[in-house]
């Protein structure tokens, strides 16, 4: 009797890893994944792929993920391979393209109606004059502030802080 390869996808909850000490959490997570596979696939021969291991150890030994999505594959020999689960999305994209095209048509219709409306109002003289005022105000501000090097700015801030602290200390004594 030869068995066919059995593939199952599981989400393994690793929340109890947080009960173990900080410096042993990722190790414990790997052991929990192994125990989960033994329990669910009824086999003692377990192999974990590097991708799963890298996923658990990605944030270091102290912060493993709370959940992990894996695919368990059992061979004819009884060997269980634990691999990272990757979703198949091409089927969903083909189904979603139709509604998007309908939505796009509606958006185009709305944009056409919106573009027609703003063309009707014409700018008046009162609207153009505030723009000129803004332009003239901006120029003096730029000319009034000479740019200082960063070192000078930092030194000025430090001196201001020192004077504040000295004056505060004098006030507290009085």
C-alpha atoms as a PDB file:
ATOM      1  CA  UNK A   1       0.000   0.000   0.000  1.00  0.00           C
ATOM      2  CA  UNK A   2       1.659   3.188  -1.166  1.00  0.00           C
ATOM      3  CA  UNK A   3       0.318   6.458   0.130  1.00  0.00           C
ATOM      4  CA  UNK A   4       0.077   9.562  -1.971  1.00  0.00           C
ATOM      5  CA  UNK A   5       1.859  12.663  -0.793  1.00  0.00           C
ATOM      6  CA  UNK A   6      -0.337  14.543   1.625  1.00  0.00           C
ATOM      7  CA  UNK A   7      -0.161  18.340   1.715  1.00  0.00           C
ATOM      8  CA  UNK A   8      -1.856  20.417   4.348  1.00  0.00           C
ATOM      9  CA  UNK A   9      -1.678  24.107   5.187  1.00  0.00           C
ATOM     10  CA  UNK A  10      -1.734  25.150   8.835  1.00  0.00           C
ATOM     11  CA  UNK A  11      -1.463  28.331  10.847  1.00  0.00           C
ATOM     12  CA  UNK A  12       0.564  27.454  13.917  1.00  0.00           C
ATOM     13  CA  UNK A  13      -0.013  29.602  16.990  1.00  0.00           C
ATOM     14  CA  UNK A  14       3.300  30.307  18.688  1.00  0.00           C
ATOM     15  CA  UNK A  15       1.906  32.536  21.422  1.00  0.00           C
ATOM     16  CA  UNK A  16       3.008  30.207  24.230  1.00  0.00           C
ATOM     17  CA  UNK A  17       6.621  30.833  23.202  1.00  0.00           C
ATOM     18  CA  UNK A  18       6.387  34.042  25.206  1.00  0.00           C
ATOM     19  CA  UNK A  19       6.127  31.970  28.414  1.00  0.00           C
ATOM     20  CA  UNK A  20       9.701  30.719  27.941  1.00  0.00           C
ATOM     21  CA  UNK A  21      12.734  32.851  28.869  1.00  0.00           C
ATOM     22  CA  UNK A  22      13.780  35.628  26.488  1.00  0.00           C
ATOM     23  CA  UNK A  23      16.983  33.962  25.373  1.00  0.00           C
ATOM     24  CA  UNK A  24      15.271  30.686  24.381  1.00  0.00           C
ATOM     25  CA  UNK A  25      12.134  31.788  22.553  1.00  0.00           C
ATOM     26  CA  UNK A  26      13.137  31.165  18.918  1.00  0.00           C
ATOM     27  CA  UNK A  27      14.509  27.732  19.829  1.00  0.00           C
ATOM     28  CA  UNK A  28      11.256  26.933  21.587  1.00  0.00           C
ATOM     29  CA  UNK A  29       9.267  28.147  18.546  1.00  0.00           C
ATOM     30  CA  UNK A  30      11.142  25.709  16.284  1.00  0.00           C
ATOM     31  CA  UNK A  31      10.450  22.891  18.759  1.00  0.00           C
ATOM     32  CA  UNK A  32       6.750  23.849  18.895  1.00  0.00           C
ATOM     33  CA  UNK A  33       6.530  23.720  15.087  1.00  0.00           C
ATOM     34  CA  UNK A  34       8.182  20.297  15.150  1.00  0.00           C
ATOM     35  CA  UNK A  35       5.765  19.048  17.874  1.00  0.00           C
ATOM     36  CA  UNK A  36       2.805  20.398  15.920  1.00  0.00           C
ATOM     37  CA  UNK A  37       3.901  18.499  12.800  1.00  0.00           C
ATOM     38  CA  UNK A  38       4.398  15.267  14.761  1.00  0.00           C
ATOM     39  CA  UNK A  39       0.933  15.590  16.279  1.00  0.00           C
ATOM     40  CA  UNK A  40      -0.959  16.465  13.081  1.00  0.00           C
ATOM     41  CA  UNK A  41       0.901  14.395  10.473  1.00  0.00           C
ATOM     42  CA  UNK A  42       1.399  11.269  12.675  1.00  0.00           C
ATOM     43  CA  UNK A  43       5.086  10.864  11.876  1.00  0.00           C
ATOM     44  CA  UNK A  44       8.293  11.206  13.880  1.00  0.00           C
ATOM     45  CA  UNK A  45      10.544  12.010  10.884  1.00  0.00           C
ATOM     46  CA  UNK A  46      10.320  15.810  10.527  1.00  0.00           C
ATOM     47  CA  UNK A  47      12.410  18.142   8.364  1.00  0.00           C
ATOM     48  CA  UNK A  48      12.135  21.936   8.554  1.00  0.00           C
ATOM     49  CA  UNK A  49      13.133  23.996   5.518  1.00  0.00           C
ATOM     50  CA  UNK A  50      15.533  26.903   5.864  1.00  0.00           C
ATOM     51  CA  UNK A  51      12.854  29.432   4.860  1.00  0.00           C
ATOM     52  CA  UNK A  52      10.744  28.511   7.884  1.00  0.00           C
ATOM     53  CA  UNK A  53      13.765  28.695  10.158  1.00  0.00           C
ATOM     54  CA  UNK A  54      14.744  32.107   8.749  1.00  0.00           C
ATOM     55  CA  UNK A  55      11.182  33.316   9.217  1.00  0.00           C
ATOM     56  CA  UNK A  56      11.227  32.339  12.906  1.00  0.00           C
ATOM     57  CA  UNK A  57      14.708  33.714  13.554  1.00  0.00           C
ATOM     58  CA  UNK A  58      14.268  36.921  11.470  1.00  0.00           C
ATOM     59  CA  UNK A  59      13.709  39.175  14.480  1.00  0.00           C
ATOM     60  CA  UNK A  60      16.208  37.416  16.701  1.00  0.00           C
ATOM     61  CA  UNK A  61      16.014  34.884  19.481  1.00  0.00           C
ATOM     62  CA  UNK A  62      13.893  37.058  21.776  1.00  0.00           C
ATOM     63  CA  UNK A  63      11.090  38.061  19.384  1.00  0.00           C
ATOM     64  CA  UNK A  64       9.776  35.174  17.269  1.00  0.00           C
ATOM     65  CA  UNK A  65       6.467  35.639  15.425  1.00  0.00           C
ATOM     66  CA  UNK A  66       3.175  34.988  17.243  1.00  0.00           C
ATOM     67  CA  UNK A  67       1.778  32.942  14.336  1.00  0.00           C
ATOM     68  CA  UNK A  68       3.299  31.232  11.357  1.00  0.00           C
ATOM     69  CA  UNK A  69       1.629  29.870   8.218  1.00  0.00           C
ATOM     70  CA  UNK A  70       3.221  26.628   6.962  1.00  0.00           C
ATOM     71  CA  UNK A  71       2.622  23.839   4.480  1.00  0.00           C
ATOM     72  CA  UNK A  72       3.190  20.302   5.775  1.00  0.00           C
ATOM     73  CA  UNK A  73       3.965  17.676   3.135  1.00  0.00           C
ATOM     74  CA  UNK A  74       4.131  13.979   4.004  1.00  0.00           C
ATOM     75  CA  UNK A  75       5.974  11.691   1.551  1.00  0.00           C
ATOM     76  CA  UNK A  76       5.481   7.980   0.891  1.00  0.00           C
ATOM     77  CA  UNK A  77       8.388   7.266   3.259  1.00  0.00           C
ATOM     78  CA  UNK A  78       6.600   9.007   6.147  1.00  0.00           C
ATOM     79  CA  UNK A  79       8.947  12.000   6.048  1.00  0.00           C
ATOM     80  CA  UNK A  80       7.239  15.281   6.813  1.00  0.00           C
ATOM     81  CA  UNK A  81       8.623  18.443   5.204  1.00  0.00           C
ATOM     82  CA  UNK A  82       7.666  21.784   6.757  1.00  0.00           C
ATOM     83  CA  UNK A  83       7.837  24.645   4.264  1.00  0.00           C
ATOM     84  CA  UNK A  84       6.730  28.267   4.136  1.00  0.00           C
ATOM     85  CA  UNK A  85       3.213  28.689   2.754  1.00  0.00           C
ATOM     86  CA  UNK A  86       2.801  30.908  -0.311  1.00  0.00           C
ATOM     87  CA  UNK A  87      -0.672  31.857  -1.482  1.00  0.00           C
ATOM     88  CA  UNK A  88      -1.809  31.509  -5.068  1.00  0.00           C
ATOM     89  CA  UNK A  89      -3.153  34.882  -6.229  1.00  0.00           C
ATOM     90  CA  UNK A  90      -3.492  34.615 -10.058  1.00  0.00           C
ATOM     91  CA  UNK A  91      -7.060  33.287  -9.834  1.00  0.00           C
ATOM     92  CA  UNK A  92      -8.233  36.188  -7.690  1.00  0.00           C
ATOM     93  CA  UNK A  93      -6.677  38.803  -9.971  1.00  0.00           C
ATOM     94  CA  UNK A  94      -8.579  37.524 -13.004  1.00  0.00           C
ATOM     95  CA  UNK A  95     -11.856  37.721 -11.095  1.00  0.00           C
ATOM     96  CA  UNK A  96     -11.122  41.196  -9.698  1.00  0.00           C
ATOM     97  CA  UNK A  97     -10.155  42.725 -13.050  1.00  0.00           C
ATOM     98  CA  UNK A  98     -13.744  42.870 -14.248  1.00  0.00           C
ATOM     99  CA  UNK A  99     -15.080  44.968 -11.351  1.00  0.00           C
ATOM    100  CA  UNK A 100     -12.064  47.272 -11.542  1.00  0.00           C
ATOM    101  CA  UNK A 101     -12.697  48.014 -15.210  1.00  0.00           C
ATOM    102  CA  UNK A 102     -16.311  48.896 -14.452  1.00  0.00           C
ATOM    103  CA  UNK A 103     -15.204  51.145 -11.623  1.00  0.00           C
ATOM    104  CA  UNK A 104     -12.637  52.775 -13.866  1.00  0.00           C
ATOM    105  CA  UNK A 105     -15.337  53.609 -16.405  1.00  0.00           C
ATOM    106  CA  UNK A 106     -17.444  55.238 -13.693  1.00  0.00           C
ATOM    107  CA  UNK A 107     -14.471  57.237 -12.465  1.00  0.00           C
ATOM    108  CA  UNK A 108     -13.748  58.422 -16.008  1.00  0.00           C
ATOM    109  CA  UNK A 109     -17.354  59.557 -16.424  1.00  0.00           C
ATOM    110  CA  UNK A 110     -17.203  61.477 -13.142  1.00  0.00           C
ATOM    111  CA  UNK A 111     -13.901  63.096 -14.053  1.00  0.00           C
ATOM    112  CA  UNK A 112     -15.322  64.215 -17.403  1.00  0.00           C
ATOM    113  CA  UNK A 113     -18.252  65.932 -15.702  1.00  0.00           C
ATOM    114  CA  UNK A 114     -15.941  67.539 -13.145  1.00  0.00           C
ATOM    115  CA  UNK A 115     -13.592  68.904 -15.785  1.00  0.00           C
ATOM    116  CA  UNK A 116     -16.455  70.610 -17.570  1.00  0.00           C
ATOM    117  CA  UNK A 117     -17.629  72.525 -14.481  1.00  0.00           C
ATOM    118  CA  UNK A 118     -14.382  74.325 -13.537  1.00  0.00           C
ATOM    119  CA  UNK A 119     -14.021  75.761 -17.053  1.00  0.00           C
ATOM    120  CA  UNK A 120     -17.125  77.970 -16.680  1.00  0.00           C
ATOM    121  CA  UNK A 121     -16.013  80.384 -13.901  1.00  0.00           C
ATOM    122  CA  UNK A 122     -13.534  82.990 -15.089  1.00  0.00           C
ATOM    123  CA  UNK A 123     -10.935  84.592 -12.810  1.00  0.00           C
ATOM    124  CA  UNK A 124     -11.767  88.144 -11.774  1.00  0.00           C
ATOM    125  CA  UNK A 125      -9.426  91.038 -11.074  1.00  0.00           C
ATOM    126  CA  UNK A 126      -9.840  90.672  -7.285  1.00  0.00           C
ATOM    127  CA  UNK A 127      -8.579  87.075  -7.439  1.00  0.00           C
ATOM    128  CA  UNK A 128      -5.437  87.961  -9.355  1.00  0.00           C
ATOM    129  CA  UNK A 129      -4.367  90.823  -7.036  1.00  0.00           C
ATOM    130  CA  UNK A 130      -3.896  88.715  -3.851  1.00  0.00           C
ATOM    131  CA  UNK A 131      -1.465  86.501  -5.753  1.00  0.00           C
ATOM    132  CA  UNK A 132       0.681  89.539  -6.548  1.00  0.00           C
ATOM    133  CA  UNK A 133       0.605  90.583  -2.887  1.00  0.00           C
ATOM    134  CA  UNK A 134       1.786  87.148  -1.787  1.00  0.00           C
ATOM    135  CA  UNK A 135       4.671  87.245  -4.222  1.00  0.00           C
ATOM    136  CA  UNK A 136       5.850  90.638  -2.958  1.00  0.00           C
ATOM    137  CA  UNK A 137       5.619  89.544   0.690  1.00  0.00           C
ATOM    138  CA  UNK A 138       7.702  86.428   0.158  1.00  0.00           C
ATOM    139  CA  UNK A 139      10.684  88.271  -1.347  1.00  0.00           C
ATOM    140  CA  UNK A 140      11.474  90.531   1.648  1.00  0.00           C
ATOM    141  CA  UNK A 141      11.342  87.581   4.039  1.00  0.00           C
ATOM    142  CA  UNK A 142      13.893  85.652   2.043  1.00  0.00           C
ATOM    143  CA  UNK A 143      16.190  88.691   1.864  1.00  0.00           C
ATOM    144  CA  UNK A 144      15.771  89.639   5.534  1.00  0.00           C
ATOM    145  CA  UNK A 145      17.049  86.295   6.900  1.00  0.00           C
ATOM    146  CA  UNK A 146      20.662  85.647   6.012  1.00  0.00           C
ATOM    147  CA  UNK A 147      21.488  81.957   6.191  1.00  0.00           C
ATOM    148  CA  UNK A 148      23.903  80.971   8.951  1.00  0.00           C
ATOM    149  CA  UNK A 149      26.021  77.853   8.985  1.00  0.00           C
ATOM    150  CA  UNK A 150      24.719  75.036  11.177  1.00  0.00           C
ATOM    151  CA  UNK A 151      27.639  75.266  13.587  1.00  0.00           C
ATOM    152  CA  UNK A 152      26.815  78.874  14.403  1.00  0.00           C
ATOM    153  CA  UNK A 153      23.146  78.061  14.939  1.00  0.00           C
ATOM    154  CA  UNK A 154      24.012  75.236  17.345  1.00  0.00           C
ATOM    155  CA  UNK A 155      26.407  77.402  19.332  1.00  0.00           C
ATOM    156  CA  UNK A 156      23.738  80.124  19.672  1.00  0.00           C
ATOM    157  CA  UNK A 157      21.224  77.573  20.987  1.00  0.00           C
ATOM    158  CA  UNK A 158      23.739  76.294  23.551  1.00  0.00           C
ATOM    159  CA  UNK A 159      24.481  79.788  24.854  1.00  0.00           C
ATOM    160  CA  UNK A 160      20.773  80.538  25.154  1.00  0.00           C
ATOM    161  CA  UNK A 161      20.247  77.331  27.140  1.00  0.00           C
ATOM    162  CA  UNK A 162      23.148  78.143  29.471  1.00  0.00           C
ATOM    163  CA  UNK A 163      21.836  81.649  30.197  1.00  0.00           C
ATOM    164  CA  UNK A 164      18.371  80.257  30.881  1.00  0.00           C
ATOM    165  CA  UNK A 165      19.665  77.723  33.364  1.00  0.00           C
ATOM    166  CA  UNK A 166      21.777  80.286  35.222  1.00  0.00           C
ATOM    167  CA  UNK A 167      18.882  82.721  35.511  1.00  0.00           C
ATOM    168  CA  UNK A 168      16.574  79.901  36.651  1.00  0.00           C
ATOM    169  CA  UNK A 169      19.029  78.927  39.374  1.00  0.00           C
ATOM    170  CA  UNK A 170      19.183  82.558  40.624  1.00  0.00           C
ATOM    171  CA  UNK A 171      15.382  82.735  40.768  1.00  0.00           C
ATOM    172  CA  UNK A 172      15.138  79.524  42.758  1.00  0.00           C
ATOM    173  CA  UNK A 173      17.632  80.785  45.344  1.00  0.00           C
ATOM    174  CA  UNK A 174      15.643  84.007  45.922  1.00  0.00           C
END
